[in-house]
Amino acid sequence: MGGRVTAVSRNERYGFSKPTRPSITLLAGLGVEGDVHAGTTIRHQFRMTYEPDLPNLRQVHLMHEELFEELALKGFDVSAGRLGENVTTAGVDLLGLPAGTLLHIGKEAVLEVTGLRNPCAKINDFRPGLLGEVFALDPVSGEFTFKSGVMAVVRTGGTVRAGDTVEVELPPPPHRALERV
């Protein structure tokens, strides 16, 4: 199964959204070159205050463009980079991938999916009510649903652009469901 990259984004400073770019460079073991979240240890602004030495399992944030279409049907205008993702994809069921999945992007880059993005309350600052559309508690099962993309680490660096292919390589079974990271 495969898909494609529809946009790439990075931001040198902490902020909710990331400007789209013609290309981004992925650096093995670090993340997106020039992005505030790149590094070997956790770079999430809030989590750095109490877990500064944890490994950075959130080097690259990927989001499926199909979410934007779903949100548009509910009246939310969201586009690439606006929710802070680095790589926007189409045609890949990101949320259905198991942990450890490798994503081969373009000619060189390889990302390893580490888990689900845990959406924060800042989403409501961006668009009031949006948090409830990307994060919900199922009243029957008691399970949380996270729709705001997945996080990954860079295994092999390379340049990534809109239009690049995304090839999915599943890990050997048994597969582990994604959890928030």
Protein backbone atom coordinates (compact mmCIF):
# COMPACT_ATOMS: atom_id res chain seq x y z
CA MET A 1 0.00 0.00 0.00
CA GLY A 2 1.24 3.47 -0.72
CA GLY A 3 0.31 7.08 -1.11
CA ARG A 4 1.90 10.43 -1.68
CA VAL A 5 3.10 13.55 0.08
CA THR A 6 0.81 16.53 -0.53
CA ALA A 7 2.74 19.16 1.47
CA VAL A 8 5.75 19.63 3.74
CA SER A 9 6.16 22.15 6.55
CA ARG A 10 8.63 23.29 9.19
CA ASN A 11 8.98 26.09 11.70
CA GLU A 12 12.16 27.37 13.32
CA ARG A 13 10.22 28.75 16.29
CA TYR A 14 7.62 27.33 18.62
CA GLY A 15 4.16 28.05 17.32
CA PHE A 16 1.03 26.09 16.62
CA SER A 17 1.16 26.11 12.81
CA LYS A 18 4.10 25.45 10.50
CA PRO A 19 4.56 27.25 7.17
CA THR A 20 4.53 25.00 4.11
CA ARG A 21 7.79 24.81 2.18
CA PRO A 22 8.87 23.60 -1.28
CA SER A 23 10.91 20.87 0.48
CA ILE A 24 12.21 19.76 3.86
CA THR A 25 15.36 17.84 4.71
CA LEU A 26 15.07 14.93 7.11
CA LEU A 27 18.14 14.19 9.24
CA ALA A 28 18.63 10.65 10.56
CA GLY A 29 18.08 10.45 14.31
CA LEU A 30 17.13 14.14 14.57
CA GLY A 31 14.06 15.12 12.55
CA VAL A 32 13.41 17.99 10.16
CA GLU A 33 16.41 20.22 9.58
CA GLY A 34 15.65 23.72 10.87
CA ASP A 35 12.49 22.65 12.72
CA VAL A 36 12.11 23.53 16.39
CA HIS A 37 11.16 19.91 17.21
CA ALA A 38 14.36 18.37 15.77
CA GLY A 39 16.69 16.70 18.25
CA THR A 40 17.65 13.45 19.93
CA THR A 41 15.78 14.27 23.14
CA ILE A 42 12.21 15.47 23.48
CA ARG A 43 11.60 18.94 22.00
CA HIS A 44 7.90 19.37 22.77
CA GLN A 45 7.78 22.70 24.58
CA PHE A 46 5.57 21.61 27.48
CA ARG A 47 7.03 18.11 27.92
CA MET A 48 10.61 19.43 28.00
CA THR A 49 9.85 21.03 31.36
CA TYR A 50 9.28 17.70 33.10
CA GLU A 51 10.79 15.03 30.76
CA PRO A 52 13.79 16.78 29.17
CA ASP A 53 15.99 13.69 28.83
CA LEU A 54 13.48 11.33 27.17
CA PRO A 55 14.28 10.19 23.62
CA ASN A 56 12.56 12.25 20.96
CA LEU A 57 9.94 9.91 19.51
CA ARG A 58 8.20 12.94 17.96
CA GLN A 59 10.85 14.05 15.46
CA VAL A 60 8.42 14.21 12.54
CA HIS A 61 4.66 14.77 12.66
CA LEU A 62 2.64 13.29 9.77
CA MET A 63 -1.01 14.02 9.09
CA HIS A 64 -3.42 12.63 6.55
CA GLU A 65 -5.00 15.16 4.19
CA GLU A 66 -8.24 13.19 4.38
CA LEU A 67 -8.70 14.62 7.89
CA PHE A 68 -8.92 18.14 6.41
CA GLU A 69 -11.71 16.98 4.12
CA GLU A 70 -13.56 15.39 7.04
CA LEU A 71 -13.19 18.56 9.11
CA ALA A 72 -14.37 20.75 6.21
CA LEU A 73 -17.66 18.83 6.20
CA LYS A 74 -18.07 19.96 9.82
CA GLY A 75 -17.30 23.61 9.02
CA PHE A 76 -13.60 23.73 9.94
CA ASP A 77 -11.17 25.30 7.47
CA VAL A 78 -7.86 23.49 7.96
CA SER A 79 -5.02 23.05 5.48
CA ALA A 80 -1.49 21.65 5.36
CA GLY A 81 0.81 22.77 8.17
CA ARG A 82 -1.94 24.52 10.11
CA LEU A 83 -2.12 21.78 12.77
CA GLY A 84 1.66 21.68 13.15
CA GLU A 85 2.49 18.70 10.99
CA ASN A 86 5.71 18.38 8.99
CA VAL A 87 4.46 15.98 6.32
CA THR A 88 0.93 15.89 4.94
CA THR A 89 -0.03 12.70 3.12
CA ALA A 90 -2.86 11.33 0.99
CA GLY A 91 -3.74 7.71 0.37
CA VAL A 92 -2.06 6.30 3.50
CA ASP A 93 -4.12 5.13 6.49
CA LEU A 94 -1.69 6.64 8.97
CA LEU A 95 -3.92 6.05 11.99
CA GLY A 96 -4.30 2.36 11.12
CA LEU A 97 -0.59 1.61 10.92
CA PRO A 98 1.07 -0.49 13.62
CA ALA A 99 3.97 0.82 15.68
CA GLY A 100 7.30 0.27 13.97
CA THR A 101 5.96 0.72 10.45
CA LEU A 102 8.54 2.12 8.06
CA LEU A 103 7.48 4.84 5.63
CA HIS A 104 9.73 5.13 2.59
CA ILE A 105 9.28 8.68 1.31
CA GLY A 106 10.63 9.78 -2.05
CA LYS A 107 13.95 8.36 -3.16
CA GLU A 108 15.84 8.29 0.15
CA ALA A 109 13.98 9.10 3.35
CA VAL A 110 12.74 6.43 5.75
CA LEU A 111 10.63 7.21 8.82
CA GLU A 112 9.65 4.81 11.60
CA VAL A 113 6.18 5.40 13.04
CA THR A 114 6.39 5.65 16.83
CA GLY A 115 2.85 6.54 17.88
CA LEU A 116 -0.16 8.80 17.75
CA ARG A 117 0.00 12.54 18.17
CA ASN A 118 -1.67 13.56 21.38
CA PRO A 119 -3.67 16.68 20.48
CA CYS A 120 -3.52 19.54 22.93
CA ALA A 121 -5.97 22.25 23.95
CA LYS A 122 -4.16 24.78 21.69
CA ILE A 123 -6.17 23.27 18.84
CA ASN A 124 -9.21 25.08 20.24
CA ASP A 125 -7.26 28.36 20.20
CA PHE A 126 -6.66 27.79 16.49
CA ARG A 127 -10.30 26.88 15.75
CA PRO A 128 -12.81 26.80 18.65
CA GLY A 129 -14.37 23.34 18.96
CA LEU A 130 -11.76 21.59 16.82
CA LEU A 131 -10.29 19.58 19.69
CA GLY A 132 -13.55 17.65 20.00
CA GLU A 133 -13.26 16.63 16.36
CA VAL A 134 -9.71 15.26 16.58
CA PHE A 135 -9.84 13.77 20.09
CA ALA A 136 -12.81 12.00 21.61
CA LEU A 137 -13.73 9.46 24.27
CA ASP A 138 -15.89 6.59 23.04
CA PRO A 139 -18.68 6.37 25.64
CA VAL A 140 -19.18 2.65 25.00
CA SER A 141 -15.61 1.32 24.98
CA GLY A 142 -14.00 4.03 27.10
CA GLU A 143 -11.20 4.25 24.53
CA PHE A 144 -9.80 7.53 23.25
CA THR A 145 -9.77 8.29 19.55
CA PHE A 146 -6.86 10.34 18.29
CA LYS A 147 -7.21 11.67 14.72
CA SER A 148 -4.48 14.32 14.61
CA GLY A 149 -1.82 12.25 12.89
CA VAL A 150 1.15 10.13 13.84
CA MET A 151 4.67 10.77 15.05
CA ALA A 152 7.84 9.24 13.66
CA VAL A 153 11.61 9.20 13.94
CA VAL A 154 13.97 9.54 11.00
CA ARG A 155 15.83 6.30 10.22
CA THR A 156 17.31 7.46 6.88
CA GLY A 157 17.55 11.12 5.94
CA GLY A 158 16.70 12.75 2.66
CA THR A 159 14.83 15.57 0.97
CA VAL A 160 11.03 15.36 0.91
CA ARG A 161 8.70 17.32 -1.39
CA ALA A 162 5.03 17.43 -2.25
CA GLY A 163 4.38 14.77 -4.88
CA ASP A 164 6.87 12.28 -3.42
CA THR A 165 5.62 8.71 -3.04
CA VAL A 166 5.01 7.13 0.34
CA GLU A 167 5.55 3.37 0.48
CA VAL A 168 4.48 1.49 3.61
CA GLU A 169 6.56 -1.37 5.04
CA LEU A 170 4.78 -3.10 7.89
CA PRO A 171 6.83 -4.60 10.72
CA PRO A 172 6.78 -8.37 11.25
CA PRO A 173 3.79 -9.65 13.24
CA PRO A 174 2.54 -9.52 15.85
CA HIS A 175 1.64 -5.89 15.22
CA ARG A 176 1.32 -3.40 18.07
CA ALA A 177 -1.41 -0.79 17.86
CA LEU A 178 -0.27 2.82 17.98
CA GLU A 179 -0.41 4.57 21.32
CA ARG A 180 0.07 8.26 22.00
CA VAL A 181 3.63 9.49 22.32
